[in-house]
Protein backbone atom coordinates (compact mmCIF):
# COMPACT_ATOMS: atom_id res chain seq x y z
CA MET A 1 22.72 -2.61 7.80
CA LYS A 2 21.58 -1.66 11.30
CA ASN A 3 19.22 -3.55 13.60
CA ILE A 4 16.64 -1.04 14.88
CA GLY A 5 14.44 -3.61 16.60
CA GLN A 6 10.69 -3.91 16.22
CA ILE A 7 9.40 -1.39 13.68
CA LYS A 8 5.70 -1.68 14.62
CA LYS A 9 4.19 -2.80 17.89
CA THR A 10 1.73 -5.65 17.63
CA GLU A 11 -1.84 -4.91 16.57
CA GLY A 12 -3.03 -8.53 16.46
CA TRP A 13 -2.94 -8.54 12.65
CA ASP A 14 -2.09 -11.55 10.50
CA ARG A 15 1.46 -10.92 9.23
CA ALA A 16 0.58 -12.50 5.88
CA MET A 17 -1.87 -9.65 5.22
CA MET A 18 0.70 -6.88 5.63
CA ARG A 19 2.37 -5.21 2.66
CA PHE A 20 5.10 -2.58 2.59
CA ALA A 21 5.00 0.06 -0.17
CA ASP A 22 5.42 3.82 -0.55
CA VAL A 23 1.79 4.97 -0.74
CA GLU A 24 2.26 8.72 -1.09
CA GLY A 25 5.69 9.16 -2.67
CA SER A 26 7.56 10.11 0.51
CA GLY A 27 10.45 7.72 -0.16
CA ARG A 28 9.61 5.60 2.92
CA ALA A 29 7.82 2.24 3.05
CA ASP A 30 4.33 2.57 4.53
CA ILE A 31 2.32 -0.37 5.88
CA ILE A 32 -0.75 -1.55 4.00
CA HIS A 33 -2.81 -3.98 6.07
CA LEU A 34 -5.25 -5.90 3.86
CA ASP A 35 -8.51 -7.47 4.95
CA ARG A 36 -8.07 -11.15 4.08
CA TYR A 37 -11.54 -11.51 2.50
CA THR A 38 -12.39 -8.10 0.98
CA GLY A 39 -8.91 -6.75 0.22
CA ALA A 40 -9.66 -3.36 1.80
CA GLY A 41 -6.26 -1.75 2.46
CA GLU A 42 -5.75 0.21 5.67
CA VAL A 43 -2.65 2.42 5.45
CA LEU A 44 -0.21 3.34 8.21
CA LYS A 45 2.00 6.22 7.10
CA ASN A 46 5.71 5.88 7.93
CA ASN A 47 6.63 9.20 9.57
CA LYS A 48 10.26 8.56 10.54
CA LEU A 49 12.60 6.49 12.67
CA GLU A 50 11.61 7.40 16.22
CA GLN A 51 11.11 5.20 19.27
CA ASN A 52 7.42 5.46 20.07
CA SER A 53 5.32 3.13 22.26
CA GLY A 54 7.21 -0.08 21.44
CA SER A 55 7.90 0.77 17.79
CA ALA A 56 11.18 1.95 16.27
CA VAL A 57 9.21 3.88 13.63
CA SER A 58 6.54 6.53 14.16
CA TRP A 59 3.31 5.65 12.29
CA THR A 60 0.10 7.58 11.53
CA ALA A 61 -3.09 5.65 10.78
CA ARG A 62 -4.62 6.97 7.53
CA GLY A 63 -7.63 4.64 7.37
CA VAL A 64 -8.76 2.51 4.43
CA LEU A 65 -7.22 4.12 1.33
CA TYR A 66 -7.42 1.08 -0.97
CA SER A 67 -11.04 0.12 -1.59
CA PRO A 68 -12.17 -3.50 -1.29
CA ILE A 69 -11.77 -5.27 -4.64
CA ASP A 70 -11.08 -8.96 -4.02
CA ARG A 71 -9.39 -11.22 -1.50
CA ALA A 72 -5.99 -10.03 -0.27
CA ASP A 73 -4.00 -12.85 -1.90
CA THR A 74 -4.70 -11.37 -5.34
CA MET A 75 -3.56 -7.83 -4.51
CA HIS A 76 -0.01 -6.50 -4.93
CA PHE A 77 1.48 -3.00 -4.70
CA THR A 78 4.07 -1.74 -7.18
CA ASN A 79 5.17 1.57 -8.67
CA GLN A 80 3.94 0.97 -12.20
CA GLY A 81 2.95 4.55 -12.96
CA GLY A 82 6.43 5.92 -12.28
CA LEU A 83 5.23 8.53 -9.78
CA GLY A 84 6.88 6.87 -6.77
CA ARG A 85 3.54 5.76 -5.33
CA ALA A 86 2.09 2.34 -4.63
CA ASP A 87 -0.19 1.39 -7.54
CA LEU A 88 -2.56 -1.52 -6.96
CA LEU A 89 -2.02 -4.58 -9.15
CA HIS A 90 -4.95 -7.02 -8.95
CA VAL A 91 -4.07 -10.42 -10.44
CA LEU A 92 -6.77 -12.99 -11.18
CA PRO A 93 -5.07 -16.39 -11.00
CA VAL A 94 -7.76 -18.36 -12.89
CA SER A 95 -7.75 -16.19 -16.02
CA ASN A 96 -4.17 -14.89 -15.67
CA THR A 97 -5.50 -11.34 -16.08
CA ALA A 98 -4.08 -8.34 -14.23
CA TYR A 99 -5.82 -5.05 -13.51
CA THR A 100 -3.72 -2.01 -12.64
CA TYR A 101 -5.19 0.83 -10.58
CA PHE A 102 -2.88 3.85 -10.74
CA ASN A 103 -2.41 5.92 -7.58
CA GLU A 104 -2.51 9.37 -9.20
CA CYS A 105 -4.21 11.50 -6.54
CA GLY A 106 -3.44 15.16 -7.02
CA GLY A 107 -2.03 14.52 -10.50
CA GLY A 108 1.51 13.67 -9.46
CA SER A 109 3.95 12.71 -6.80
CA GLY A 110 3.64 14.60 -3.55
CA GLY A 111 5.64 14.53 -0.40
CA ASP A 112 4.58 14.03 3.16
CA ASP A 113 2.37 17.09 2.92
CA GLY A 114 0.78 16.03 -0.38
CA LEU A 115 -2.83 14.99 -0.82
CA ILE A 116 -3.66 11.37 -0.07
CA CYS A 117 -7.11 10.19 -1.08
CA LYS A 118 -9.16 7.25 -2.33
CA CYS A 119 -8.81 7.72 -6.07
CA PHE A 120 -7.41 5.26 -8.57
CA ALA A 121 -7.91 6.57 -12.07
CA PRO A 122 -7.60 5.69 -14.82
CA ILE A 123 -8.09 1.95 -14.63
CA VAL A 124 -5.95 0.09 -17.12
CA PHE A 125 -6.63 -3.54 -18.01
CA ALA A 126 -3.61 -5.64 -18.86
CA HIS A 127 -4.30 -9.14 -20.13
CA CYS A 128 -1.32 -11.39 -19.52
CA ASN A 129 -2.61 -14.41 -21.40
CA ARG A 130 -0.08 -16.10 -23.64
């Protein structure tokens, strides 16, 4: 393990609203900054290790790629579809129901040059009640 220092210079964001997940299947952890109240997910693409303006990693702002669904505390990012991309898992704590939104833009896993867009289809409902 190697200490590379600060990976992202400060933006004034609440650290609790930051998630790390591979959004586009590049093999690197991107930053997803969630709006605390709406859950809108702004993505910063991890380009590579490179000292740049106070950050040890070079980042590219991609805008809001995860549409607002619910408050940020109920949103998690996992690779459930097996394509190496961050799928959105929305968990409702009161009903113990989970909704999975698969990140399948372009029909499969792309690399850094692959298409990244705001599409999450199909929507699969998984009821976790026992």
